[in-house]
Amino acid sequence: MRSSGEQRDALNMIFTGKDGGFMAEIAKLIGNIHGVEYVPIKFEIADDLSYWSAEIPGKVKARAEALTGPMTPPGKRVQTTNPPGSEVGPGGVATWGKAVTDSVDAMGY
């Protein structure tokens, strides 16, 4: 297990593009970095995939609920198997959802 300092250094290398890969291409598209903060992140996924949420206390709060419909069997979710662009390889499953709450109060945004 890595220490917090090692994890921070690794994340900095990845998100600034210094570690290469596709993140290096994305980093080229970012004009200015307004700052970096190290904060706790809370992430939750319901056991039945009915919702998922992420929160950085006092900064960002987001929650999504899985899509359902009249043809979706009870307890099942609207999902796509082997979605295009999947980073997990063959057999990946994407659960479709919609944002139901979001708020951002970070670095002037």
PDB file of N, CA and C in Angstrom:
ATOM      1  N   MET A   1       0.843  -1.170   0.000  1.00  0.00           N
ATOM      2  CA  MET A   1       0.000   0.000   0.000  1.00  0.00           C
ATOM      3  C   MET A   1       0.898   1.245   0.000  1.00  0.00           C
ATOM      4  N   ARG A   2       0.525   2.205  -0.799  1.00  0.00           N
ATOM      5  CA  ARG A   2       1.302   3.446  -0.884  1.00  0.00           C
ATOM      6  C   ARG A   2       0.925   4.407   0.217  1.00  0.00           C
ATOM      7  N   SER A   3       1.876   5.243   0.599  1.00  0.00           N
ATOM      8  CA  SER A   3       1.580   6.291   1.576  1.00  0.00           C
ATOM      9  C   SER A   3       0.791   7.399   0.890  1.00  0.00           C
ATOM     10  N   SER A   4       0.186   8.265   1.691  1.00  0.00           N
ATOM     11  CA  SER A   4      -0.574   9.393   1.136  1.00  0.00           C
ATOM     12  C   SER A   4       0.302  10.254   0.241  1.00  0.00           C
ATOM     13  N   GLY A   5       1.553  10.494   0.669  1.00  0.00           N
ATOM     14  CA  GLY A   5       2.472  11.306  -0.131  1.00  0.00           C
ATOM     15  C   GLY A   5       2.779  10.665  -1.474  1.00  0.00           C
ATOM     16  N   GLU A   6       2.987   9.349  -1.484  1.00  0.00           N
ATOM     17  CA  GLU A   6       3.256   8.630  -2.743  1.00  0.00           C
ATOM     18  C   GLU A   6       2.036   8.680  -3.660  1.00  0.00           C
ATOM     19  N   GLN A   7       0.848   8.519  -3.074  1.00  0.00           N
ATOM     20  CA  GLN A   7      -0.377   8.582  -3.866  1.00  0.00           C
ATOM     21  C   GLN A   7      -0.559   9.970  -4.461  1.00  0.00           C
ATOM     22  N   ARG A   8      -0.296  10.994  -3.683  1.00  0.00           N
ATOM     23  CA  ARG A   8      -0.428  12.368  -4.175  1.00  0.00           C
ATOM     24  C   ARG A   8       0.547  12.622  -5.319  1.00  0.00           C
ATOM     25  N   ASP A   9       1.780  12.164  -5.158  1.00  0.00           N
ATOM     26  CA  ASP A   9       2.773  12.338  -6.219  1.00  0.00           C
ATOM     27  C   ASP A   9       2.346  11.606  -7.488  1.00  0.00           C
ATOM     28  N   ALA A  10       1.838  10.381  -7.331  1.00  0.00           N
ATOM     29  CA  ALA A  10       1.405   9.602  -8.493  1.00  0.00           C
ATOM     30  C   ALA A  10       0.229  10.270  -9.189  1.00  0.00           C
ATOM     31  N   LEU A  11      -0.746  10.749  -8.419  1.00  0.00           N
ATOM     32  CA  LEU A  11      -1.900  11.428  -9.019  1.00  0.00           C
ATOM     33  C   LEU A  11      -1.481  12.708  -9.726  1.00  0.00           C
ATOM     34  N   ASN A  12      -0.553  13.440  -9.140  1.00  0.00           N
ATOM     35  CA  ASN A  12      -0.048  14.651  -9.784  1.00  0.00           C
ATOM     36  C   ASN A  12       0.591  14.313 -11.127  1.00  0.00           C
ATOM     37  N   MET A  13       1.381  13.259 -11.175  1.00  0.00           N
ATOM     38  CA  MET A  13       2.030  12.842 -12.423  1.00  0.00           C
ATOM     39  C   MET A  13       0.982  12.456 -13.478  1.00  0.00           C
ATOM     40  N   ILE A  14      -0.061  11.744 -13.050  1.00  0.00           N
ATOM     41  CA  ILE A  14      -1.096  11.298 -13.992  1.00  0.00           C
ATOM     42  C   ILE A  14      -1.892  12.484 -14.520  1.00  0.00           C
ATOM     43  N   PHE A  15      -2.436  13.315 -13.614  1.00  0.00           N
ATOM     44  CA  PHE A  15      -3.360  14.366 -14.035  1.00  0.00           C
ATOM     45  C   PHE A  15      -2.691  15.567 -14.684  1.00  0.00           C
ATOM     46  N   THR A  16      -1.396  15.710 -14.530  1.00  0.00           N
ATOM     47  CA  THR A  16      -0.689  16.762 -15.262  1.00  0.00           C
ATOM     48  C   THR A  16      -0.159  16.251 -16.594  1.00  0.00           C
ATOM     49  N   GLY A  17      -0.341  14.948 -16.849  1.00  0.00           N
ATOM     50  CA  GLY A  17       0.111  14.365 -18.116  1.00  0.00           C
ATOM     51  C   GLY A  17       1.575  13.967 -18.121  1.00  0.00           C
ATOM     52  N   LYS A  18       2.276  14.178 -17.024  1.00  0.00           N
ATOM     53  CA  LYS A  18       3.705  13.865 -16.965  1.00  0.00           C
ATOM     54  C   LYS A  18       3.982  12.371 -16.980  1.00  0.00           C
ATOM     55  N   ASP A  19       2.966  11.561 -16.718  1.00  0.00           N
ATOM     56  CA  ASP A  19       3.130  10.112 -16.696  1.00  0.00           C
ATOM     57  C   ASP A  19       2.859   9.495 -18.073  1.00  0.00           C
ATOM     58  N   GLY A  20       2.466  10.325 -19.039  1.00  0.00           N
ATOM     59  CA  GLY A  20       2.205   9.826 -20.392  1.00  0.00           C
ATOM     60  C   GLY A  20       0.803   9.262 -20.549  1.00  0.00           C
ATOM     61  N   GLY A  21       0.616   8.456 -21.576  1.00  0.00           N
ATOM     62  CA  GLY A  21      -0.685   7.835 -21.837  1.00  0.00           C
ATOM     63  C   GLY A  21      -1.724   8.835 -22.305  1.00  0.00           C
ATOM     64  N   PHE A  22      -2.983   8.402 -22.278  1.00  0.00           N
ATOM     65  CA  PHE A  22      -4.051   9.265 -22.783  1.00  0.00           C
ATOM     66  C   PHE A  22      -4.237  10.508 -21.922  1.00  0.00           C
ATOM     67  N   MET A  23      -3.863  10.438 -20.645  1.00  0.00           N
ATOM     68  CA  MET A  23      -3.992  11.632 -19.792  1.00  0.00           C
ATOM     69  C   MET A  23      -3.045  12.737 -20.237  1.00  0.00           C
ATOM     70  N   ALA A  24      -1.923  12.378 -20.871  1.00  0.00           N
ATOM     71  CA  ALA A  24      -1.010  13.400 -21.401  1.00  0.00           C
ATOM     72  C   ALA A  24      -1.700  14.171 -22.514  1.00  0.00           C
ATOM     73  N   GLU A  25      -2.518  13.487 -23.314  1.00  0.00           N
ATOM     74  CA  GLU A  25      -3.263  14.145 -24.387  1.00  0.00           C
ATOM     75  C   GLU A  25      -4.341  15.057 -23.809  1.00  0.00           C
ATOM     76  N   ILE A  26      -5.009  14.611 -22.766  1.00  0.00           N
ATOM     77  CA  ILE A  26      -6.042  15.428 -22.135  1.00  0.00           C
ATOM     78  C   ILE A  26      -5.407  16.660 -21.476  1.00  0.00           C
ATOM     79  N   ALA A  27      -4.260  16.463 -20.836  1.00  0.00           N
ATOM     80  CA  ALA A  27      -3.581  17.570 -20.153  1.00  0.00           C
ATOM     81  C   ALA A  27      -3.243  18.695 -21.125  1.00  0.00           C
ATOM     82  N   LYS A  28      -2.989  18.363 -22.394  1.00  0.00           N
ATOM     83  CA  LYS A  28      -2.679  19.388 -23.394  1.00  0.00           C
ATOM     84  C   LYS A  28      -3.865  20.327 -23.638  1.00  0.00           C
ATOM     85  N   LEU A  29      -5.071  19.846 -23.348  1.00  0.00           N
ATOM     86  CA  LEU A  29      -6.284  20.629 -23.589  1.00  0.00           C
ATOM     87  C   LEU A  29      -6.603  21.594 -22.446  1.00  0.00           C
ATOM     88  N   ILE A  30      -5.904  21.441 -21.328  1.00  0.00           N
ATOM     89  CA  ILE A  30      -6.176  22.272 -20.149  1.00  0.00           C
ATOM     90  C   ILE A  30      -5.265  23.484 -20.188  1.00  0.00           C
ATOM     91  N   GLY A  31      -5.864  24.663 -20.187  1.00  0.00           N
ATOM     92  CA  GLY A  31      -5.082  25.894 -20.280  1.00  0.00           C
ATOM     93  C   GLY A  31      -4.410  26.276 -18.982  1.00  0.00           C
ATOM     94  N   ASN A  32      -5.189  26.371 -17.921  1.00  0.00           N
ATOM     95  CA  ASN A  32      -4.649  26.812 -16.634  1.00  0.00           C
ATOM     96  C   ASN A  32      -5.141  25.887 -15.533  1.00  0.00           C
ATOM     97  N   ILE A  33      -4.266  25.588 -14.601  1.00  0.00           N
ATOM     98  CA  ILE A  33      -4.660  24.858 -13.405  1.00  0.00           C
ATOM     99  C   ILE A  33      -4.793  25.897 -12.305  1.00  0.00           C
ATOM    100  N   HIS A  34      -5.972  25.997 -11.726  1.00  0.00           N
ATOM    101  CA  HIS A  34      -6.252  27.022 -10.724  1.00  0.00           C
ATOM    102  C   HIS A  34      -5.741  26.653  -9.343  1.00  0.00           C
ATOM    103  N   GLY A  35      -5.359  25.422  -9.161  1.00  0.00           N
ATOM    104  CA  GLY A  35      -4.838  25.001  -7.871  1.00  0.00           C
ATOM    105  C   GLY A  35      -5.103  23.535  -7.642  1.00  0.00           C
ATOM    106  N   VAL A  36      -4.491  23.008  -6.614  1.00  0.00           N
ATOM    107  CA  VAL A  36      -4.666  21.610  -6.238  1.00  0.00           C
ATOM    108  C   VAL A  36      -4.958  21.581  -4.748  1.00  0.00           C
ATOM    109  N   GLU A  37      -5.977  20.823  -4.381  1.00  0.00           N
ATOM    110  CA  GLU A  37      -6.289  20.625  -2.973  1.00  0.00           C
ATOM    111  C   GLU A  37      -6.382  19.128  -2.732  1.00  0.00           C
ATOM    112  N   TYR A  38      -5.901  18.687  -1.581  1.00  0.00           N
ATOM    113  CA  TYR A  38      -6.015  17.293  -1.189  1.00  0.00           C
ATOM    114  C   TYR A  38      -7.099  17.204  -0.134  1.00  0.00           C
ATOM    115  N   VAL A  39      -8.180  16.510  -0.474  1.00  0.00           N
ATOM    116  CA  VAL A  39      -9.351  16.458   0.396  1.00  0.00           C
ATOM    117  C   VAL A  39      -9.919  15.035   0.410  1.00  0.00           C
ATOM    118  N   PRO A  40     -10.674  14.714   1.450  1.00  0.00           N
ATOM    119  CA  PRO A  40     -11.328  13.400   1.476  1.00  0.00           C
ATOM    120  C   PRO A  40     -12.459  13.363   0.448  1.00  0.00           C
ATOM    121  N   ILE A  41     -12.664  12.216  -0.146  1.00  0.00           N
ATOM    122  CA  ILE A  41     -13.746  12.021  -1.107  1.00  0.00           C
ATOM    123  C   ILE A  41     -14.609  10.868  -0.613  1.00  0.00           C
ATOM    124  N   LYS A  42     -15.907  11.120  -0.539  1.00  0.00           N
ATOM    125  CA  LYS A  42     -16.858  10.068  -0.176  1.00  0.00           C
ATOM    126  C   LYS A  42     -17.518   9.577  -1.467  1.00  0.00           C
ATOM    127  N   PHE A  43     -17.526   8.276  -1.682  1.00  0.00           N
ATOM    128  CA  PHE A  43     -18.146   7.699  -2.875  1.00  0.00           C
ATOM    129  C   PHE A  43     -18.987   6.521  -2.440  1.00  0.00           C
ATOM    130  N   GLU A  44     -20.207   6.442  -2.955  1.00  0.00           N
ATOM    131  CA  GLU A  44     -21.123   5.376  -2.559  1.00  0.00           C
ATOM    132  C   GLU A  44     -21.862   4.838  -3.779  1.00  0.00           C
ATOM    133  N   ILE A  45     -21.977   3.530  -3.840  1.00  0.00           N
ATOM    134  CA  ILE A  45     -22.775   2.860  -4.868  1.00  0.00           C
ATOM    135  C   ILE A  45     -23.720   1.913  -4.144  1.00  0.00           C
ATOM    136  N   ALA A  46     -25.015   2.029  -4.417  1.00  0.00           N
ATOM    137  CA  ALA A  46     -25.997   1.142  -3.793  1.00  0.00           C
ATOM    138  C   ALA A  46     -25.733  -0.298  -4.227  1.00  0.00           C
ATOM    139  N   ASP A  47     -25.935  -1.234  -3.313  1.00  0.00           N
ATOM    140  CA  ASP A  47     -25.720  -2.643  -3.637  1.00  0.00           C
ATOM    141  C   ASP A  47     -26.528  -3.092  -4.841  1.00  0.00           C
ATOM    142  N   ASP A  48     -27.725  -2.513  -5.024  1.00  0.00           N
ATOM    143  CA  ASP A  48     -28.574  -2.889  -6.158  1.00  0.00           C
ATOM    144  C   ASP A  48     -28.399  -1.955  -7.363  1.00  0.00           C
ATOM    145  N   LEU A  49     -27.380  -1.089  -7.319  1.00  0.00           N
ATOM    146  CA  LEU A  49     -27.064  -0.133  -8.386  1.00  0.00           C
ATOM    147  C   LEU A  49     -28.178   0.880  -8.653  1.00  0.00           C
ATOM    148  N   SER A  50     -29.069   1.093  -7.684  1.00  0.00           N
ATOM    149  CA  SER A  50     -30.166   2.034  -7.888  1.00  0.00           C
ATOM    150  C   SER A  50     -29.699   3.487  -7.844  1.00  0.00           C
ATOM    151  N   TYR A  51     -28.565   3.752  -7.213  1.00  0.00           N
ATOM    152  CA  TYR A  51     -28.009   5.106  -7.191  1.00  0.00           C
ATOM    153  C   TYR A  51     -26.512   5.031  -6.942  1.00  0.00           C
ATOM    154  N   TRP A  52     -25.847   6.133  -7.200  1.00  0.00           N
ATOM    155  CA  TRP A  52     -24.445   6.305  -6.845  1.00  0.00           C
ATOM    156  C   TRP A  52     -24.229   7.774  -6.551  1.00  0.00           C
ATOM    157  N   SER A  53     -23.264   8.049  -5.678  1.00  0.00           N
ATOM    158  CA  SER A  53     -23.033   9.440  -5.293  1.00  0.00           C
ATOM    159  C   SER A  53     -21.558   9.667  -4.978  1.00  0.00           C
ATOM    160  N   ALA A  54     -21.166  10.913  -5.091  1.00  0.00           N
ATOM    161  CA  ALA A  54     -19.806  11.335  -4.742  1.00  0.00           C
ATOM    162  C   ALA A  54     -19.909  12.673  -4.035  1.00  0.00           C
ATOM    163  N   GLU A  55     -19.048  12.844  -3.033  1.00  0.00           N
ATOM    164  CA  GLU A  55     -19.055  14.107  -2.302  1.00  0.00           C
ATOM    165  C   GLU A  55     -17.651  14.442  -1.822  1.00  0.00           C
ATOM    166  N   ILE A  56     -17.295  15.694  -2.012  1.00  0.00           N
ATOM    167  CA  ILE A  56     -16.135  16.287  -1.367  1.00  0.00           C
ATOM    168  C   ILE A  56     -16.756  17.306  -0.420  1.00  0.00           C
ATOM    169  N   PRO A  57     -16.802  16.974   0.882  1.00  0.00           N
ATOM    170  CA  PRO A  57     -17.544  17.814   1.827  1.00  0.00           C
ATOM    171  C   PRO A  57     -17.211  19.302   1.713  1.00  0.00           C
ATOM    172  N   GLY A  58     -18.283  20.092   1.558  1.00  0.00           N
ATOM    173  CA  GLY A  58     -18.146  21.534   1.447  1.00  0.00           C
ATOM    174  C   GLY A  58     -17.740  22.031   0.069  1.00  0.00           C
ATOM    175  N   LYS A  59     -17.500  21.123  -0.879  1.00  0.00           N
ATOM    176  CA  LYS A  59     -17.025  21.519  -2.213  1.00  0.00           C
ATOM    177  C   LYS A  59     -17.938  21.018  -3.333  1.00  0.00           C
ATOM    178  N   VAL A  60     -18.123  19.718  -3.399  1.00  0.00           N
ATOM    179  CA  VAL A  60     -18.860  19.107  -4.508  1.00  0.00           C
ATOM    180  C   VAL A  60     -19.789  18.037  -3.960  1.00  0.00           C
ATOM    181  N   LYS A  61     -21.010  18.010  -4.477  1.00  0.00           N
ATOM    182  CA  LYS A  61     -21.951  16.955  -4.125  1.00  0.00           C
ATOM    183  C   LYS A  61     -22.681  16.544  -5.411  1.00  0.00           C
ATOM    184  N   ALA A  62     -22.662  15.258  -5.709  1.00  0.00           N
ATOM    185  CA  ALA A  62     -23.331  14.763  -6.915  1.00  0.00           C
ATOM    186  C   ALA A  62     -24.000  13.437  -6.602  1.00  0.00           C
ATOM    187  N   ARG A  63     -25.156  13.228  -7.192  1.00  0.00           N
ATOM    188  CA  ARG A  63     -25.884  11.968  -7.010  1.00  0.00           C
ATOM    189  C   ARG A  63     -26.619  11.653  -8.308  1.00  0.00           C
ATOM    190  N   ALA A  64     -26.615  10.394  -8.659  1.00  0.00           N
ATOM    191  CA  ALA A  64     -27.335   9.935  -9.855  1.00  0.00           C
ATOM    192  C   ALA A  64     -28.179   8.727  -9.470  1.00  0.00           C
ATOM    193  N   GLU A  65     -29.285   8.567 -10.179  1.00  0.00           N
ATOM    194  CA  GLU A  65     -30.153   7.408  -9.983  1.00  0.00           C
ATOM    195  C   GLU A  65     -30.223   6.629 -11.275  1.00  0.00           C
ATOM    196  N   ALA A  66     -30.239   5.315 -11.149  1.00  0.00           N
ATOM    197  CA  ALA A  66     -30.296   4.442 -12.325  1.00  0.00           C
ATOM    198  C   ALA A  66     -31.613   4.629 -13.061  1.00  0.00           C
ATOM    199  N   LEU A  67     -31.532   4.562 -14.383  1.00  0.00           N
ATOM    200  CA  LEU A  67     -32.739   4.657 -15.191  1.00  0.00           C
ATOM    201  C   LEU A  67     -33.547   3.368 -15.085  1.00  0.00           C
ATOM    202  N   THR A  68     -34.845   3.530 -15.111  1.00  0.00           N
ATOM    203  CA  THR A  68     -35.764   2.399 -15.182  1.00  0.00           C
ATOM    204  C   THR A  68     -36.812   2.770 -16.207  1.00  0.00           C
ATOM    205  N   GLY A  69     -37.682   1.869 -16.504  1.00  0.00           N
ATOM    206  CA  GLY A  69     -38.745   2.159 -17.451  1.00  0.00           C
ATOM    207  C   GLY A  69     -39.803   1.085 -17.393  1.00  0.00           C
ATOM    208  N   PRO A  70     -40.868   1.255 -18.158  1.00  0.00           N
ATOM    209  CA  PRO A  70     -41.972   0.296 -18.086  1.00  0.00           C
ATOM    210  C   PRO A  70     -41.574  -1.112 -18.546  1.00  0.00           C
ATOM    211  N   MET A  71     -40.517  -1.217 -19.321  1.00  0.00           N
ATOM    212  CA  MET A  71     -40.100  -2.537 -19.814  1.00  0.00           C
ATOM    213  C   MET A  71     -38.920  -3.108 -19.006  1.00  0.00           C
ATOM    214  N   THR A  72     -38.464  -2.362 -18.000  1.00  0.00           N
ATOM    215  CA  THR A  72     -37.359  -2.830 -17.172  1.00  0.00           C
ATOM    216  C   THR A  72     -37.921  -3.721 -16.071  1.00  0.00           C
ATOM    217  N   PRO A  73     -37.461  -4.966 -15.986  1.00  0.00           N
ATOM    218  CA  PRO A  73     -37.978  -5.856 -14.922  1.00  0.00           C
ATOM    219  C   PRO A  73     -37.686  -5.293 -13.536  1.00  0.00           C
ATOM    220  N   PRO A  74     -38.549  -5.562 -12.568  1.00  0.00           N
ATOM    221  CA  PRO A  74     -38.331  -5.076 -11.199  1.00  0.00           C
ATOM    222  C   PRO A  74     -36.942  -5.505 -10.688  1.00  0.00           C
ATOM    223  N   GLY A  75     -36.237  -4.556 -10.063  1.00  0.00           N
ATOM    224  CA  GLY A  75     -34.927  -4.849  -9.511  1.00  0.00           C
ATOM    225  C   GLY A  75     -33.797  -4.858 -10.531  1.00  0.00           C
ATOM    226  N   LYS A  76     -34.098  -4.660 -11.811  1.00  0.00           N
ATOM    227  CA  LYS A  76     -33.070  -4.631 -12.854  1.00  0.00           C
ATOM    228  C   LYS A  76     -32.796  -3.190 -13.247  1.00  0.00           C
ATOM    229  N   ARG A  77     -31.702  -2.978 -13.935  1.00  0.00           N
ATOM    230  CA  ARG A  77     -31.284  -1.646 -14.353  1.00  0.00           C
ATOM    231  C   ARG A  77     -31.127  -1.583 -15.861  1.00  0.00           C
ATOM    232  N   VAL A  78     -31.250  -0.372 -16.425  1.00  0.00           N
ATOM    233  CA  VAL A  78     -30.982  -0.162 -17.842  1.00  0.00           C
ATOM    234  C   VAL A  78     -29.464  -0.194 -17.994  1.00  0.00           C
ATOM    235  N   GLN A  79     -28.960  -1.185 -18.730  1.00  0.00           N
ATOM    236  CA  GLN A  79     -27.519  -1.372 -18.842  1.00  0.00           C
ATOM    237  C   GLN A  79     -27.118  -1.700 -20.280  1.00  0.00           C
ATOM    238  N   THR A  80     -25.850  -1.421 -20.584  1.00  0.00           N
ATOM    239  CA  THR A  80     -25.252  -1.771 -21.863  1.00  0.00           C
ATOM    240  C   THR A  80     -24.048  -2.665 -21.577  1.00  0.00           C
ATOM    241  N   THR A  81     -23.985  -3.796 -22.256  1.00  0.00           N
ATOM    242  CA  THR A  81     -22.849  -4.698 -22.119  1.00  0.00           C
ATOM    243  C   THR A  81     -21.841  -4.382 -23.215  1.00  0.00           C
ATOM    244  N   ASN A  82     -20.559  -4.404 -22.883  1.00  0.00           N
ATOM    245  CA  ASN A  82     -19.480  -4.069 -23.814  1.00  0.00           C
ATOM    246  C   ASN A  82     -19.675  -2.683 -24.428  1.00  0.00           C
ATOM    247  N   PRO A  83     -19.836  -1.641 -23.594  1.00  0.00           N
ATOM    248  CA  PRO A  83     -20.065  -0.301 -24.148  1.00  0.00           C
ATOM    249  C   PRO A  83     -18.833   0.200 -24.906  1.00  0.00           C
ATOM    250  N   PRO A  84     -19.052   0.980 -25.970  1.00  0.00           N
ATOM    251  CA  PRO A  84     -17.907   1.515 -26.717  1.00  0.00           C
ATOM    252  C   PRO A  84     -17.055   2.412 -25.837  1.00  0.00           C
ATOM    253  N   GLY A  85     -15.745   2.317 -26.015  1.00  0.00           N
ATOM    254  CA  GLY A  85     -14.830   3.138 -25.239  1.00  0.00           C
ATOM    255  C   GLY A  85     -14.629   2.642 -23.818  1.00  0.00           C
ATOM    256  N   SER A  86     -15.123   1.441 -23.522  1.00  0.00           N
ATOM    257  CA  SER A  86     -15.004   0.916 -22.172  1.00  0.00           C
ATOM    258  C   SER A  86     -13.544   0.669 -21.814  1.00  0.00           C
ATOM    259  N   GLU A  87     -13.140   1.167 -20.673  1.00  0.00           N
ATOM    260  CA  GLU A  87     -11.765   0.993 -20.210  1.00  0.00           C
ATOM    261  C   GLU A  87     -11.568  -0.326 -19.477  1.00  0.00           C
ATOM    262  N   VAL A  88     -12.621  -1.104 -19.291  1.00  0.00           N
ATOM    263  CA  VAL A  88     -12.491  -2.346 -18.537  1.00  0.00           C
ATOM    264  C   VAL A  88     -12.383  -3.571 -19.438  1.00  0.00           C
ATOM    265  N   GLY A  89     -12.468  -3.388 -20.736  1.00  0.00           N
ATOM    266  CA  GLY A  89     -12.313  -4.509 -21.661  1.00  0.00           C
ATOM    267  C   GLY A  89     -13.604  -5.270 -21.881  1.00  0.00           C
ATOM    268  N   PRO A  90     -13.513  -6.394 -22.590  1.00  0.00           N
ATOM    269  CA  PRO A  90     -14.701  -7.189 -22.918  1.00  0.00           C
ATOM    270  C   PRO A  90     -15.466  -7.600 -21.663  1.00  0.00           C
ATOM    271  N   GLY A  91     -16.776  -7.566 -21.770  1.00  0.00           N
ATOM    272  CA  GLY A  91     -17.624  -7.967 -20.660  1.00  0.00           C
ATOM    273  C   GLY A  91     -17.996  -6.828 -19.734  1.00  0.00           C
ATOM    274  N   GLY A  92     -17.501  -5.622 -20.012  1.00  0.00           N
ATOM    275  CA  GLY A  92     -17.837  -4.474 -19.178  1.00  0.00           C
ATOM    276  C   GLY A  92     -19.319  -4.159 -19.253  1.00  0.00           C
ATOM    277  N   VAL A  93     -19.870  -3.648 -18.177  1.00  0.00           N
ATOM    278  CA  VAL A  93     -21.288  -3.294 -18.119  1.00  0.00           C
ATOM    279  C   VAL A  93     -21.409  -1.848 -17.663  1.00  0.00           C
ATOM    280  N   ALA A  94     -22.171  -1.048 -18.402  1.00  0.00           N
ATOM    281  CA  ALA A  94     -22.450   0.338 -18.025  1.00  0.00           C
ATOM    282  C   ALA A  94     -23.906   0.427 -17.584  1.00  0.00           C
ATOM    283  N   THR A  95     -24.128   0.987 -16.410  1.00  0.00           N
ATOM    284  CA  THR A  95     -25.480   1.211 -15.911  1.00  0.00           C
ATOM    285  C   THR A  95     -25.847   2.649 -16.224  1.00  0.00           C
ATOM    286  N   TRP A  96     -26.969   2.838 -16.883  1.00  0.00           N
ATOM    287  CA  TRP A  96     -27.410   4.169 -17.289  1.00  0.00           C
ATOM    288  C   TRP A  96     -28.132   4.847 -16.137  1.00  0.00           C
ATOM    289  N   GLY A  97     -27.906   6.141 -16.001  1.00  0.00           N
ATOM    290  CA  GLY A  97     -28.545   6.877 -14.930  1.00  0.00           C
ATOM    291  C   GLY A  97     -28.719   8.334 -15.290  1.00  0.00           C
ATOM    292  N   LYS A  98     -29.324   9.072 -14.379  1.00  0.00           N
ATOM    293  CA  LYS A  98     -29.498  10.518 -14.580  1.00  0.00           C
ATOM    294  C   LYS A  98     -29.114  11.229 -13.295  1.00  0.00           C
ATOM    295  N   ALA A  99     -28.518  12.408 -13.455  1.00  0.00           N
ATOM    296  CA  ALA A  99     -28.145  13.217 -12.296  1.00  0.00           C
ATOM    297  C   ALA A  99     -29.410  13.730 -11.635  1.00  0.00           C
ATOM    298  N   VAL A 100     -29.461  13.630 -10.321  1.00  0.00           N
ATOM    299  CA  VAL A 100     -30.622  14.147  -9.594  1.00  0.00           C
ATOM    300  C   VAL A 100     -30.241  15.295  -8.661  1.00  0.00           C
ATOM    301  N   THR A 101     -28.980  15.381  -8.279  1.00  0.00           N
ATOM    302  CA  THR A 101     -28.491  16.531  -7.520  1.00  0.00           C
ATOM    303  C   THR A 101     -27.055  16.786  -7.905  1.00  0.00           C
ATOM    304  N   ASP A 102     -26.672  18.040  -7.849  1.00  0.00           N
ATOM    305  CA  ASP A 102     -25.276  18.387  -8.005  1.00  0.00           C
ATOM    306  C   ASP A 102     -25.079  19.801  -7.479  1.00  0.00           C
ATOM    307  N   SER A 103     -23.933  20.011  -6.902  1.00  0.00           N
ATOM    308  CA  SER A 103     -23.554  21.340  -6.465  1.00  0.00           C
ATOM    309  C   SER A 103     -22.040  21.411  -6.430  1.00  0.00           C
ATOM    310  N   VAL A 104     -21.522  22.571  -6.782  1.00  0.00           N
ATOM    311  CA  VAL A 104     -20.079  22.779  -6.793  1.00  0.00           C
ATOM    312  C   VAL A 104     -19.772  24.125  -6.171  1.00  0.00           C
ATOM    313  N   ASP A 105     -18.817  24.146  -5.249  1.00  0.00           N
ATOM    314  CA  ASP A 105     -18.329  25.388  -4.649  1.00  0.00           C
ATOM    315  C   ASP A 105     -16.844  25.190  -4.408  1.00  0.00           C
ATOM    316  N   ALA A 106     -16.079  25.226  -5.500  1.00  0.00           N
ATOM    317  CA  ALA A 106     -14.653  24.950  -5.399  1.00  0.00           C
ATOM    318  C   ALA A 106     -13.866  25.853  -6.331  1.00  0.00           C
ATOM    319  N   MET A 107     -12.835  26.490  -5.810  1.00  0.00           N
ATOM    320  CA  MET A 107     -11.904  27.299  -6.586  1.00  0.00           C
ATOM    321  C   MET A 107     -12.599  28.278  -7.541  1.00  0.00           C
ATOM    322  N   GLY A 108     -13.679  28.890  -7.088  1.00  0.00           N
ATOM    323  CA  GLY A 108     -14.357  29.901  -7.885  1.00  0.00           C
ATOM    324  C   GLY A 108     -15.395  29.383  -8.868  1.00  0.00           C
ATOM    325  N   TYR A 109     -15.668  28.088  -8.865  1.00  0.00           N
ATOM    326  CA  TYR A 109     -16.659  27.538  -9.799  1.00  0.00           C
ATOM    327  C   TYR A 109     -17.987  27.365  -9.114  1.00  0.00           C
TER     328      TYR A 109
END
